[in-house]
Amino acid sequence: MVVELISTVPPWILIGIALGVVASTLAAVAFYLGNRFVAPSAAAAGDGRIPAGDERRRGEIREYLTAIDERFREDHALGDVAVPFYLPERGVAITFDAHDYFRLEGEGVYTVLCEHEMPGRGLGRRLPFDVIEPDWGPEPSAGGGGRDPVAAAFAELDVDRDADVDEVKRAYRERVKETHPDQGGDEESFRRVREAYATARNHAGGASEESDRGHPAARTARSDRTDPPTGFGR
């Protein structure tokens, strides 16, 4: 019966079906081979989650932490969040991702967000403990162009450098409305705004007490310092 049914179908339809089956098979084989051989090679060059532009910062921060003799772990998992660097003896996470920064901050983990403009040698000013800076000589300009990441953060939010925390929060909410992908913005602009908010909030007037809330490491550091730390925490 099947043979009789097939015999009633025009030959050109049968040829089209056969070609479709062959094409689908070839696509499936190509997909399998790509996942089997190409994906592992890409993973060997990097874990697939770290943008190529972050490799420079990784190298600088690795060099800095080694120079100050601070033990660290790379690509350390904190729950389901992996951070580029974690200082196990300090309980401090270092990340380049604003989303991970806010998430860890909400979970009470003292987290340093390193913006794209921040040179690795600037990390010491962000850490919640005293650091004896190595003798590097003249410190390189942020981003290679003399750009101050803190000033850039306030500029990104379009507020004055002496703005207080409330002004920073208001400006952040307005910028989010403009840059959020769901509101017609793009991911890159939204990322810059989130990074700028994390930086500006911790350098805004009246932010110091709020920054320490929920972070024992920061409170301990404050008792040992004359100047308040500029690390990123709640």
Protein backbone atom coordinates (compact mmCIF):
# COMPACT_ATOMS: atom_id res chain seq x y z
CA MET A 1 0.00 0.00 0.00
CA VAL A 2 2.85 2.33 0.84
CA VAL A 3 4.56 1.53 -2.43
CA GLU A 4 1.36 2.22 -4.32
CA LEU A 5 0.94 5.55 -2.49
CA ILE A 6 4.50 6.58 -3.29
CA SER A 7 4.02 5.69 -6.94
CA THR A 8 1.25 8.30 -7.15
CA VAL A 9 3.54 11.12 -5.93
CA PRO A 10 5.21 13.15 -8.70
CA PRO A 11 8.95 12.37 -9.01
CA TRP A 12 10.00 16.00 -8.43
CA ILE A 13 8.37 15.93 -4.98
CA LEU A 14 10.22 12.75 -4.06
CA ILE A 15 13.49 14.30 -5.22
CA GLY A 16 12.80 17.42 -3.11
CA ILE A 17 12.08 15.33 -0.02
CA ALA A 18 15.26 13.31 -0.53
CA LEU A 19 17.37 16.45 -0.91
CA GLY A 20 15.78 17.90 2.23
CA VAL A 21 16.64 14.80 4.24
CA VAL A 22 20.24 14.87 2.98
CA ALA A 23 20.60 18.59 3.82
CA SER A 24 19.17 18.09 7.31
CA THR A 25 21.53 15.19 7.93
CA LEU A 26 24.56 17.20 6.82
CA ALA A 27 23.52 20.13 9.07
CA ALA A 28 23.12 17.80 12.05
CA VAL A 29 26.55 16.27 11.42
CA ALA A 30 28.15 19.73 11.11
CA PHE A 31 26.50 20.88 14.36
CA TYR A 32 27.71 17.77 16.18
CA LEU A 33 31.26 18.15 14.92
CA GLY A 34 31.26 21.83 15.84
CA ASN A 35 30.19 21.10 19.41
CA ARG A 36 32.57 18.16 19.66
CA PHE A 37 35.75 19.77 18.39
CA VAL A 38 35.42 23.54 17.94
CA ALA A 39 33.77 24.41 21.28
CA PRO A 40 36.43 22.67 23.43
CA SER A 41 39.15 24.52 21.51
CA ALA A 42 37.46 27.85 22.24
CA ALA A 43 37.14 26.91 25.90
CA ALA A 44 40.84 26.13 26.03
CA ALA A 45 41.59 29.73 25.00
CA GLY A 46 39.23 31.10 27.65
CA ASP A 47 36.19 29.99 29.59
CA GLY A 48 33.85 31.67 27.09
CA ARG A 49 32.45 34.08 29.67
CA ILE A 50 35.34 36.54 29.86
CA PRO A 51 35.54 39.18 27.12
CA ALA A 52 38.93 39.41 25.44
CA GLY A 53 39.29 42.99 26.71
CA ASP A 54 39.33 41.73 30.29
CA GLU A 55 42.52 39.74 29.77
CA ARG A 56 44.64 42.89 30.12
CA ARG A 57 42.99 43.75 33.43
CA ARG A 58 43.39 40.18 34.63
CA GLY A 59 47.10 40.35 33.94
CA GLU A 60 47.48 43.69 35.72
CA ILE A 61 45.52 42.58 38.78
CA ARG A 62 47.37 39.26 38.93
CA GLU A 63 50.64 41.20 38.84
CA TYR A 64 49.45 43.60 41.54
CA LEU A 65 48.21 40.92 43.94
CA THR A 66 51.44 38.99 43.50
CA ALA A 67 53.49 42.15 44.15
CA ILE A 68 51.70 42.85 47.45
CA ASP A 69 52.03 39.19 48.42
CA GLU A 70 48.27 38.68 48.71
CA ARG A 71 47.07 35.13 48.20
CA PHE A 72 44.27 34.85 45.63
CA ARG A 73 42.24 32.38 43.63
CA GLU A 74 41.20 32.90 40.04
CA ASP A 75 37.77 32.10 38.61
CA HIS A 76 36.51 31.34 42.09
CA ALA A 77 32.87 30.28 42.52
CA LEU A 78 30.75 32.04 45.12
CA GLY A 79 27.49 30.15 44.91
CA ASP A 80 26.61 30.22 41.23
CA VAL A 81 28.67 33.36 40.54
CA ALA A 82 32.28 32.96 39.39
CA VAL A 83 34.55 35.95 40.07
CA PRO A 84 37.88 36.57 38.31
CA PHE A 85 39.71 36.91 41.62
CA TYR A 86 38.92 36.03 45.24
CA LEU A 87 41.06 36.77 48.29
CA PRO A 88 40.27 33.84 50.64
CA GLU A 89 42.05 35.27 53.66
CA ARG A 90 40.12 38.55 53.37
CA GLY A 91 36.76 37.36 52.08
CA VAL A 92 37.00 39.88 49.22
CA ALA A 93 35.80 39.24 45.67
CA ILE A 94 37.06 41.13 42.62
CA THR A 95 34.90 41.30 39.51
CA PHE A 96 34.62 43.14 36.21
CA ASP A 97 30.90 42.49 35.87
CA ALA A 98 28.47 45.02 37.33
CA HIS A 99 25.66 42.46 37.46
CA ASP A 100 27.78 40.08 39.56
CA TYR A 101 28.91 43.00 41.74
CA PHE A 102 25.36 43.95 42.70
CA ARG A 103 24.37 40.34 43.23
CA LEU A 104 27.30 39.54 45.53
CA GLU A 105 26.89 42.84 47.35
CA GLY A 106 23.30 41.90 48.08
CA GLU A 107 24.52 38.63 49.55
CA GLY A 108 26.90 40.42 51.92
CA VAL A 109 30.14 39.66 50.07
CA TYR A 110 32.62 42.53 50.05
CA THR A 111 33.14 43.01 46.32
CA VAL A 112 35.42 45.28 44.33
CA LEU A 113 34.18 46.27 40.88
CA CYS A 114 37.05 47.10 38.53
CA GLU A 115 35.87 49.40 35.76
CA HIS A 116 37.35 49.24 32.29
CA GLU A 117 39.29 52.46 32.91
CA MET A 118 40.90 51.33 36.18
CA PRO A 119 44.54 50.22 35.95
CA GLY A 120 45.46 47.14 37.98
CA ARG A 121 47.78 49.19 40.19
CA GLY A 122 44.80 51.21 41.38
CA LEU A 123 43.29 48.19 43.10
CA GLY A 124 44.95 48.89 46.44
CA ARG A 125 42.81 52.00 47.03
CA ARG A 126 39.68 49.87 46.64
CA LEU A 127 40.59 47.09 49.05
CA PRO A 128 39.13 47.12 52.60
CA PHE A 129 42.48 46.53 54.29
CA ASP A 130 45.82 48.31 54.49
CA VAL A 131 48.16 47.72 51.58
CA ILE A 132 51.87 48.50 51.40
CA GLU A 133 52.19 49.67 47.84
CA PRO A 134 55.10 48.31 45.80
CA ASP A 135 57.55 50.82 44.39
CA TRP A 136 56.27 50.89 40.84
CA GLY A 137 57.60 54.27 39.88
CA PRO A 138 55.15 56.67 38.18
CA GLU A 139 51.67 55.15 38.11
CA PRO A 140 50.29 54.70 34.60
CA SER A 141 47.34 56.80 33.56
CA ALA A 142 43.92 55.16 33.81
CA GLY A 143 42.94 53.74 30.45
CA GLY A 144 46.14 55.11 28.95
CA GLY A 145 44.62 58.54 28.55
CA GLY A 146 44.77 60.09 32.01
CA ARG A 147 41.06 59.48 32.61
CA ASP A 148 40.03 59.36 36.26
CA PRO A 149 37.54 56.46 36.63
CA VAL A 150 35.76 58.15 39.55
CA ALA A 151 35.29 61.42 37.66
CA ALA A 152 34.23 59.39 34.61
CA ALA A 153 31.58 57.60 36.72
CA PHE A 154 30.01 60.87 37.88
CA ALA A 155 30.14 62.18 34.31
CA GLU A 156 28.42 59.04 33.02
CA LEU A 157 25.55 59.68 35.45
CA ASP A 158 25.60 63.39 34.58
CA VAL A 159 26.00 64.59 38.17
CA ASP A 160 28.57 66.83 39.83
CA ARG A 161 31.63 65.24 41.43
CA ASP A 162 30.46 66.47 44.86
CA ALA A 163 26.96 64.97 44.52
CA ASP A 164 25.60 63.09 47.51
CA VAL A 165 24.29 59.53 47.56
CA ASP A 166 20.66 60.52 46.96
CA GLU A 167 21.60 62.56 43.89
CA VAL A 168 23.62 59.66 42.54
CA LYS A 169 20.72 57.26 43.04
CA ARG A 170 18.27 59.61 41.34
CA ALA A 171 20.62 60.09 38.41
CA TYR A 172 21.13 56.34 38.15
CA ARG A 173 17.39 55.68 37.98
CA GLU A 174 17.05 58.23 35.19
CA ARG A 175 19.97 56.82 33.22
CA VAL A 176 18.60 53.29 33.59
CA LYS A 177 15.35 54.44 31.97
CA GLU A 178 17.37 55.71 29.02
CA THR A 179 19.81 52.83 28.60
CA HIS A 180 17.99 49.66 29.69
CA PRO A 181 17.65 47.28 26.71
CA ASP A 182 13.93 46.87 27.47
CA GLN A 183 13.54 50.64 27.05
CA GLY A 184 15.30 50.85 23.72
CA GLY A 185 18.85 51.09 25.05
CA ASP A 186 21.73 48.71 24.47
CA GLU A 187 23.68 46.32 26.67
CA GLU A 188 26.96 48.24 26.46
CA SER A 189 25.42 51.53 27.61
CA PHE A 190 23.51 49.78 30.37
CA ARG A 191 26.72 48.09 31.55
CA ARG A 192 28.54 51.45 31.67
CA VAL A 193 25.74 53.01 33.71
CA ARG A 194 25.72 50.16 36.23
CA GLU A 195 29.50 50.35 36.63
CA ALA A 196 29.32 54.13 36.98
CA TYR A 197 26.67 53.84 39.68
CA ALA A 198 28.71 51.30 41.65
CA THR A 199 31.70 53.64 41.56
CA ALA A 200 29.93 56.97 42.12
CA ARG A 201 27.79 55.67 44.98
CA ASN A 202 30.89 54.66 46.92
CA HIS A 203 32.60 58.00 46.33
CA ALA A 204 29.57 60.22 46.87
CA GLY A 205 29.16 62.45 49.90
CA GLY A 206 27.64 60.61 52.83
CA ALA A 207 28.34 57.20 51.30
CA SER A 208 30.94 55.95 53.76
CA GLU A 209 28.64 54.70 56.52
CA GLU A 210 26.27 53.12 54.02
CA SER A 211 29.22 51.45 52.31
CA ASP A 212 30.21 49.61 55.48
CA ARG A 213 26.80 48.24 56.36
CA GLY A 214 26.85 44.46 56.27
CA HIS A 215 30.60 44.18 55.58
CA PRO A 216 32.68 43.26 58.67
CA ALA A 217 35.88 43.50 56.61
CA ALA A 218 35.15 47.12 55.80
CA ARG A 219 34.31 47.99 59.40
CA THR A 220 37.57 46.42 60.57
CA ALA A 221 39.53 48.29 57.95
CA ARG A 222 37.94 51.60 58.92
CA SER A 223 39.06 51.23 62.51
CA ASP A 224 42.65 50.84 61.29
CA ARG A 225 42.68 53.69 58.78
CA THR A 226 42.79 57.42 59.03
CA ASP A 227 41.19 57.78 55.61
CA PRO A 228 38.10 55.77 54.67
CA PRO A 229 38.66 52.86 52.28
CA THR A 230 37.35 53.23 48.77
CA GLY A 231 36.57 49.59 48.13
CA PHE A 232 33.15 48.67 46.84
CA GLY A 233 30.78 47.23 49.41
CA ARG A 234 27.47 48.09 50.92
